[in-house]
Amino acid sequence: MGDALECDSSTSCGSCGTAGTCDSATQQRHMEEQLALRLQSIRHRLAVMSGKGGVGKTTVAVNLAVALAKLGLTVGILDGDVHGPNIPKMLGIDKNGLYMGENGLLPATARDNVKVMSMAFMLQGEDTPIAWRGPMKHSLFQQFLSEVDWGNLDYLIVDLPPGTGDEPLSIAQLLGKPLWTIIVTTPQEVALLDSRKSVVFGQTLEMNVLGIVENMSGLTCPHCGKQIDLFKTGGGKRAAEELGVPFLGSVPIDPSVVTGGDDGIPIFYTNPDSPTALVFQQLGERVHNSMNNLDKRS
């Protein structure tokens, strides 16, 4: 926050609802209180992260959100990648569709009532870069979580930016506990090295690692039907076993997933009976069953 906010004595302050001068510490306290209230309405907070970029983390996050919504659950997805906010495009959402409601900014809504909030809604154009330092991004994340009227959610899925740096750390701290995370990797050794760091990162922050997903795991030849291991296979499962965390499944390379992401129509809607759609459906079921079992233990 900046300098003290001078409020007109005849009106109430937007942060605290009182007349007079509201300093930055008071604003911060009210925002923290609002954040705590918002989080009470979210049953499960699930962060999707990866050790490096280019592994299809956002693709997994989007399709997992749709898979959970298809189970009849209320789902929100927060695009935590300030510099590359792609979730609205992948879900085919109008970037001019945000409105103020009685209880805050209303998230945009995709098919199956998936609620979405992203920096993409606030950019003047698709080519507009965000040249922000860490504190500004932290403030943005806090506003996305505290000032957006998410309503009651079974799941809030947060698509974290790649790596184990400032943004994942900020979002993890804001989301509080309990917070669960899914690590997305590809089979090649370079990606696995970074994904292992993500697991340790999550454990260090006392995040609960729900498991590892191996993306881009083989390609079925459209001519002969044989499996082609473009980037190897099985590395994600081995990493999960070595690190002592669950393995949640392998997602094959499927051109229709790429096309659907570009067109804003996830594979559940374009080809729901395909093997890849079935993999994402099973991933959603596996995640939800795991969370239900954990709820029963607590």
Protein backbone atom coordinates (compact mmCIF):
# COMPACT_ATOMS: atom_id res chain seq x y z
CA MET A 1 0.00 0.00 0.00
CA GLY A 2 1.07 3.58 -0.43
CA ASP A 3 0.61 6.67 1.78
CA ALA A 4 -2.38 7.19 4.03
CA LEU A 5 -5.71 7.23 2.22
CA GLU A 6 -7.66 10.40 2.97
CA CYS A 7 -11.36 9.61 3.20
CA ASP A 8 -14.06 12.25 2.83
CA SER A 9 -15.54 12.67 6.30
CA SER A 10 -19.03 12.66 4.81
CA THR A 11 -18.57 9.24 3.23
CA SER A 12 -17.37 5.90 4.42
CA CYS A 13 -14.00 4.38 3.58
CA GLY A 14 -14.17 1.58 1.00
CA SER A 15 -11.85 -0.60 3.08
CA CYS A 16 -13.24 -0.25 6.58
CA GLY A 17 -16.67 1.33 6.15
CA THR A 18 -15.85 4.18 8.54
CA ALA A 19 -15.44 7.90 8.01
CA GLY A 20 -12.11 9.66 8.31
CA THR A 21 -8.53 8.75 7.55
CA CYS A 22 -7.71 5.11 6.92
CA ASP A 23 -3.98 4.34 6.93
CA SER A 24 -2.27 1.55 5.05
CA ALA A 25 -2.02 -0.70 8.11
CA THR A 26 -5.79 -0.50 8.61
CA GLN A 27 -6.41 -1.24 4.95
CA GLN A 28 -4.10 -4.24 5.13
CA ARG A 29 -5.82 -5.57 8.24
CA HIS A 30 -9.25 -5.31 6.64
CA MET A 31 -8.00 -7.03 3.50
CA GLU A 32 -6.61 -9.88 5.60
CA GLU A 33 -9.92 -10.21 7.41
CA GLN A 34 -11.79 -10.25 4.09
CA LEU A 35 -9.38 -12.88 2.77
CA ALA A 36 -10.05 -15.10 5.77
CA LEU A 37 -13.81 -14.79 5.17
CA ARG A 38 -13.46 -15.67 1.48
CA LEU A 39 -11.33 -18.72 2.24
CA GLN A 40 -13.97 -20.01 4.67
CA SER A 41 -16.31 -20.46 1.70
CA ILE A 42 -13.79 -22.61 -0.20
CA ARG A 43 -13.80 -26.26 0.79
CA HIS A 44 -10.54 -27.28 -0.91
CA ARG A 45 -7.65 -25.16 -2.17
CA LEU A 46 -5.58 -26.92 -4.81
CA ALA A 47 -2.46 -25.44 -6.42
CA VAL A 48 -1.19 -26.87 -9.71
CA MET A 49 2.53 -26.21 -10.15
CA SER A 50 5.56 -27.30 -12.12
CA GLY A 51 9.30 -26.98 -11.71
CA LYS A 52 9.72 -25.49 -15.18
CA GLY A 53 7.68 -23.99 -17.98
CA GLY A 54 6.49 -25.80 -21.07
CA VAL A 55 5.24 -28.97 -19.40
CA GLY A 56 1.53 -28.30 -19.94
CA LYS A 57 0.71 -27.26 -16.39
CA THR A 58 -2.07 -24.87 -17.45
CA THR A 59 -3.55 -27.52 -19.74
CA VAL A 60 -3.73 -29.93 -16.81
CA ALA A 61 -5.18 -27.25 -14.51
CA VAL A 62 -7.91 -26.29 -16.99
CA ASN A 63 -8.94 -29.85 -17.79
CA LEU A 64 -8.85 -30.85 -14.12
CA ALA A 65 -11.19 -27.95 -13.32
CA VAL A 66 -13.62 -29.06 -16.03
CA ALA A 67 -13.36 -32.70 -14.91
CA LEU A 68 -14.28 -31.74 -11.34
CA ALA A 69 -17.14 -29.55 -12.58
CA LYS A 70 -18.42 -32.49 -14.63
CA LEU A 71 -18.72 -34.39 -11.34
CA GLY A 72 -21.29 -31.82 -10.22
CA LEU A 73 -18.86 -29.86 -8.06
CA THR A 74 -18.57 -26.08 -7.81
CA VAL A 75 -15.16 -25.08 -9.14
CA GLY A 76 -13.17 -21.87 -9.46
CA ILE A 77 -9.82 -21.44 -11.16
CA LEU A 78 -7.41 -18.61 -10.39
CA ASP A 79 -4.83 -17.81 -13.05
CA GLY A 80 -1.70 -17.17 -10.98
CA ASP A 81 0.55 -16.52 -13.96
CA VAL A 82 0.62 -12.71 -14.18
CA HIS A 83 3.06 -12.62 -17.09
CA GLY A 84 1.39 -15.31 -19.21
CA PRO A 85 -2.32 -15.45 -18.27
CA ASN A 86 -3.75 -17.99 -20.71
CA ILE A 87 -6.65 -19.60 -18.85
CA PRO A 88 -9.40 -17.33 -20.27
CA LYS A 89 -8.27 -18.17 -23.81
CA MET A 90 -8.15 -21.90 -23.08
CA LEU A 91 -11.69 -21.78 -21.67
CA GLY A 92 -13.06 -19.49 -24.39
CA ILE A 93 -14.05 -16.69 -22.02
CA ASP A 94 -14.80 -13.14 -23.11
CA LYS A 95 -12.08 -10.98 -21.57
CA ASN A 96 -14.51 -8.09 -21.16
CA GLY A 97 -16.93 -10.06 -19.03
CA LEU A 98 -16.13 -8.84 -15.49
CA TYR A 99 -18.73 -7.01 -13.42
CA MET A 100 -19.06 -5.68 -9.88
CA GLY A 101 -21.55 -7.42 -7.64
CA GLU A 102 -22.92 -6.66 -4.20
CA ASN A 103 -20.12 -8.57 -2.48
CA GLY A 104 -17.19 -7.77 -4.74
CA LEU A 105 -15.87 -8.33 -8.22
CA LEU A 106 -17.62 -11.22 -9.94
CA PRO A 107 -15.39 -13.80 -11.62
CA ALA A 108 -16.04 -14.70 -15.23
CA THR A 109 -17.89 -17.94 -15.86
CA ALA A 110 -17.01 -20.71 -18.32
CA ARG A 111 -19.01 -23.80 -19.25
CA ASP A 112 -20.27 -25.97 -16.40
CA ASN A 113 -20.21 -22.82 -14.25
CA VAL A 114 -16.42 -22.87 -13.77
CA LYS A 115 -15.54 -19.49 -12.24
CA VAL A 116 -12.38 -17.80 -13.51
CA MET A 117 -10.23 -14.86 -12.48
CA SER A 118 -7.13 -13.82 -14.42
CA MET A 119 -4.86 -10.88 -15.09
CA ALA A 120 -5.87 -11.31 -18.74
CA PHE A 121 -9.19 -9.61 -17.96
CA MET A 122 -7.34 -6.42 -17.01
CA LEU A 123 -4.94 -6.03 -19.91
CA GLN A 124 -5.54 -3.42 -22.58
CA GLY A 125 -4.45 -5.85 -25.28
CA GLU A 126 -3.15 -9.38 -25.69
CA ASP A 127 0.35 -8.06 -26.40
CA THR A 128 0.51 -5.88 -23.29
CA PRO A 129 3.40 -7.03 -21.07
CA ILE A 130 3.34 -6.93 -17.27
CA ALA A 131 6.63 -5.52 -15.95
CA TRP A 132 5.97 -5.78 -12.24
CA ARG A 133 8.15 -6.55 -9.26
CA GLY A 134 7.22 -9.02 -6.55
CA PRO A 135 5.35 -6.73 -4.12
CA MET A 136 2.90 -5.57 -6.81
CA LYS A 137 2.15 -9.16 -7.80
CA HIS A 138 1.64 -10.11 -4.17
CA SER A 139 -0.90 -7.29 -3.83
CA LEU A 140 -2.69 -8.46 -6.97
CA PHE A 141 -2.94 -12.04 -5.70
CA GLN A 142 -4.28 -10.76 -2.39
CA GLN A 143 -6.95 -8.76 -4.22
CA PHE A 144 -7.88 -11.72 -6.43
CA LEU A 145 -8.48 -13.81 -3.33
CA SER A 146 -10.02 -11.24 -1.00
CA GLU A 147 -11.96 -8.85 -3.26
CA VAL A 148 -13.38 -11.36 -5.75
CA ASP A 149 -16.75 -12.84 -4.83
CA TRP A 150 -15.96 -16.51 -5.44
CA GLY A 151 -19.03 -17.66 -3.53
CA ASN A 152 -19.14 -21.17 -2.10
CA LEU A 153 -16.70 -23.47 -3.88
CA ASP A 154 -15.89 -27.15 -3.54
CA TYR A 155 -12.53 -26.46 -5.22
CA LEU A 156 -10.44 -23.42 -5.97
CA ILE A 157 -7.73 -24.50 -8.40
CA VAL A 158 -4.80 -22.11 -8.61
CA ASP A 159 -2.64 -22.35 -11.70
CA LEU A 160 0.74 -21.26 -10.34
CA PRO A 161 3.51 -19.83 -12.54
CA PRO A 162 6.38 -22.29 -13.12
CA GLY A 163 9.27 -22.65 -10.73
CA THR A 164 9.69 -22.21 -7.00
CA GLY A 165 10.15 -18.45 -6.85
CA ASP A 166 8.35 -15.38 -5.62
CA GLU A 167 4.85 -15.86 -7.09
CA PRO A 168 4.28 -19.46 -5.92
CA LEU A 169 5.60 -18.48 -2.52
CA SER A 170 3.26 -15.47 -2.28
CA ILE A 171 0.17 -17.39 -3.37
CA ALA A 172 0.94 -20.32 -1.06
CA GLN A 173 1.23 -17.96 1.89
CA LEU A 174 -2.02 -16.16 1.01
CA LEU A 175 -3.99 -19.38 0.56
CA GLY A 176 -2.96 -20.59 4.00
CA LYS A 177 -3.52 -24.12 5.27
CA PRO A 178 -4.61 -26.69 4.43
CA LEU A 179 -3.31 -26.26 0.89
CA TRP A 180 -2.87 -29.15 -1.52
CA THR A 181 -0.68 -29.19 -4.59
CA ILE A 182 -0.37 -31.25 -7.77
CA ILE A 183 3.00 -31.31 -9.54
CA VAL A 184 2.97 -31.52 -13.35
CA THR A 185 6.00 -32.87 -15.17
CA THR A 186 7.01 -34.41 -18.47
CA PRO A 187 8.98 -37.67 -18.66
CA GLN A 188 12.41 -36.34 -19.68
CA GLU A 189 15.11 -36.06 -17.04
CA VAL A 190 15.46 -32.25 -17.17
CA ALA A 191 11.78 -31.77 -16.35
CA LEU A 192 11.91 -34.45 -13.66
CA LEU A 193 14.82 -32.75 -11.92
CA ASP A 194 12.78 -29.56 -11.65
CA SER A 195 9.60 -31.35 -10.64
CA ARG A 196 11.43 -32.98 -7.75
CA LYS A 197 12.37 -29.50 -6.57
CA SER A 198 8.67 -28.57 -6.66
CA VAL A 199 7.81 -31.51 -4.41
CA VAL A 200 10.46 -30.49 -1.88
CA PHE A 201 9.32 -26.85 -2.20
CA GLY A 202 5.79 -27.85 -1.33
CA GLN A 203 6.88 -29.98 1.59
CA THR A 204 9.11 -27.19 2.91
CA LEU A 205 6.14 -24.80 2.94
CA GLU A 206 4.01 -27.49 4.61
CA MET A 207 1.85 -27.78 1.51
CA ASN A 208 0.27 -31.20 1.14
CA VAL A 209 1.51 -32.81 -2.07
CA LEU A 210 -1.47 -34.63 -3.53
CA GLY A 211 0.65 -36.23 -6.25
CA ILE A 212 2.49 -36.02 -9.56
CA VAL A 213 0.96 -35.98 -13.05
CA GLU A 214 3.10 -37.00 -16.02
CA ASN A 215 2.02 -34.94 -19.03
CA MET A 216 3.02 -35.52 -22.69
CA SER A 217 3.47 -39.18 -21.87
CA GLY A 218 3.69 -40.90 -25.23
CA LEU A 219 1.86 -40.45 -28.52
CA THR A 220 -0.41 -42.93 -30.25
CA CYS A 221 0.47 -43.15 -33.94
CA PRO A 222 -2.64 -42.21 -35.97
CA HIS A 223 -1.64 -44.66 -38.72
CA CYS A 224 -0.54 -47.86 -36.98
CA GLY A 225 -1.88 -47.28 -33.46
CA LYS A 226 1.47 -48.02 -31.81
CA GLN A 227 2.82 -46.01 -28.89
CA ILE A 228 5.60 -43.52 -29.69
CA ASP A 229 7.61 -42.37 -26.67
CA LEU A 230 8.60 -38.90 -27.87
CA PHE A 231 9.77 -37.74 -24.46
CA LYS A 232 10.15 -41.15 -22.80
CA THR A 233 7.51 -42.46 -20.37
CA GLY A 234 7.36 -43.54 -16.75
CA GLY A 235 9.65 -40.87 -15.31
CA GLY A 236 6.89 -39.19 -13.36
CA LYS A 237 5.87 -42.44 -11.71
CA ARG A 238 9.45 -43.24 -10.74
CA ALA A 239 9.92 -39.76 -9.28
CA ALA A 240 6.72 -40.15 -7.26
CA GLU A 241 7.88 -43.48 -5.89
CA GLU A 242 11.30 -42.14 -4.98
CA LEU A 243 9.87 -39.05 -3.28
CA GLY A 244 7.14 -40.98 -1.50
CA VAL A 245 4.18 -39.10 -3.02
CA PRO A 246 1.22 -40.51 -4.99
CA PHE A 247 1.32 -40.83 -8.77
CA LEU A 248 -1.93 -39.46 -10.21
CA GLY A 249 -1.60 -40.63 -13.81
CA SER A 250 -0.14 -40.12 -17.27
CA VAL A 251 -1.62 -37.78 -19.89
CA PRO A 252 -0.71 -38.69 -23.49
CA ILE A 253 0.18 -36.22 -26.22
CA ASP A 254 -3.04 -35.52 -28.11
CA PRO A 255 -3.27 -32.95 -30.94
CA SER A 256 -6.96 -32.40 -30.12
CA VAL A 257 -5.97 -31.08 -26.67
CA VAL A 258 -3.72 -28.52 -28.36
CA THR A 259 -6.43 -27.54 -30.82
CA GLY A 260 -9.00 -27.29 -28.05
CA GLY A 261 -6.72 -25.03 -26.01
CA ASP A 262 -6.21 -22.70 -28.97
CA ASP A 263 -9.92 -22.64 -29.76
CA GLY A 264 -11.04 -22.23 -26.16
CA ILE A 265 -12.92 -25.54 -26.11
CA PRO A 266 -11.47 -28.22 -23.78
CA ILE A 267 -11.42 -31.81 -25.04
CA PHE A 268 -14.36 -32.72 -22.77
CA TYR A 269 -16.58 -30.77 -25.15
CA THR A 270 -14.94 -31.55 -28.51
CA ASN A 271 -14.15 -35.24 -28.03
CA PRO A 272 -15.55 -36.48 -24.70
CA ASP A 273 -15.15 -40.17 -25.57
CA SER A 274 -11.47 -39.92 -26.51
CA PRO A 275 -8.80 -41.72 -24.45
CA THR A 276 -7.32 -38.39 -23.37
CA ALA A 277 -10.67 -37.07 -22.13
CA LEU A 278 -11.03 -40.31 -20.18
CA VAL A 279 -7.59 -39.75 -18.61
CA PHE A 280 -8.61 -36.27 -17.44
CA GLN A 281 -11.93 -37.63 -16.17
CA GLN A 282 -10.06 -40.27 -14.15
CA LEU A 283 -7.69 -37.60 -12.85
CA GLY A 284 -10.64 -35.56 -11.60
CA GLU A 285 -12.20 -38.61 -9.95
CA ARG A 286 -8.90 -39.62 -8.38
CA VAL A 287 -8.31 -36.14 -6.98
CA HIS A 288 -11.84 -35.86 -5.60
CA ASN A 289 -11.75 -39.33 -4.06
CA SER A 290 -8.40 -38.56 -2.44
CA MET A 291 -9.75 -35.33 -0.96
CA ASN A 292 -12.88 -37.09 0.34
CA ASN A 293 -10.75 -39.73 2.01
CA LEU A 294 -8.60 -37.06 3.59
CA ASP A 295 -11.71 -35.25 4.82
CA LYS A 296 -12.88 -38.42 6.56
CA ARG A 297 -9.56 -38.78 8.37
CA SER A 298 -9.54 -35.20 9.64
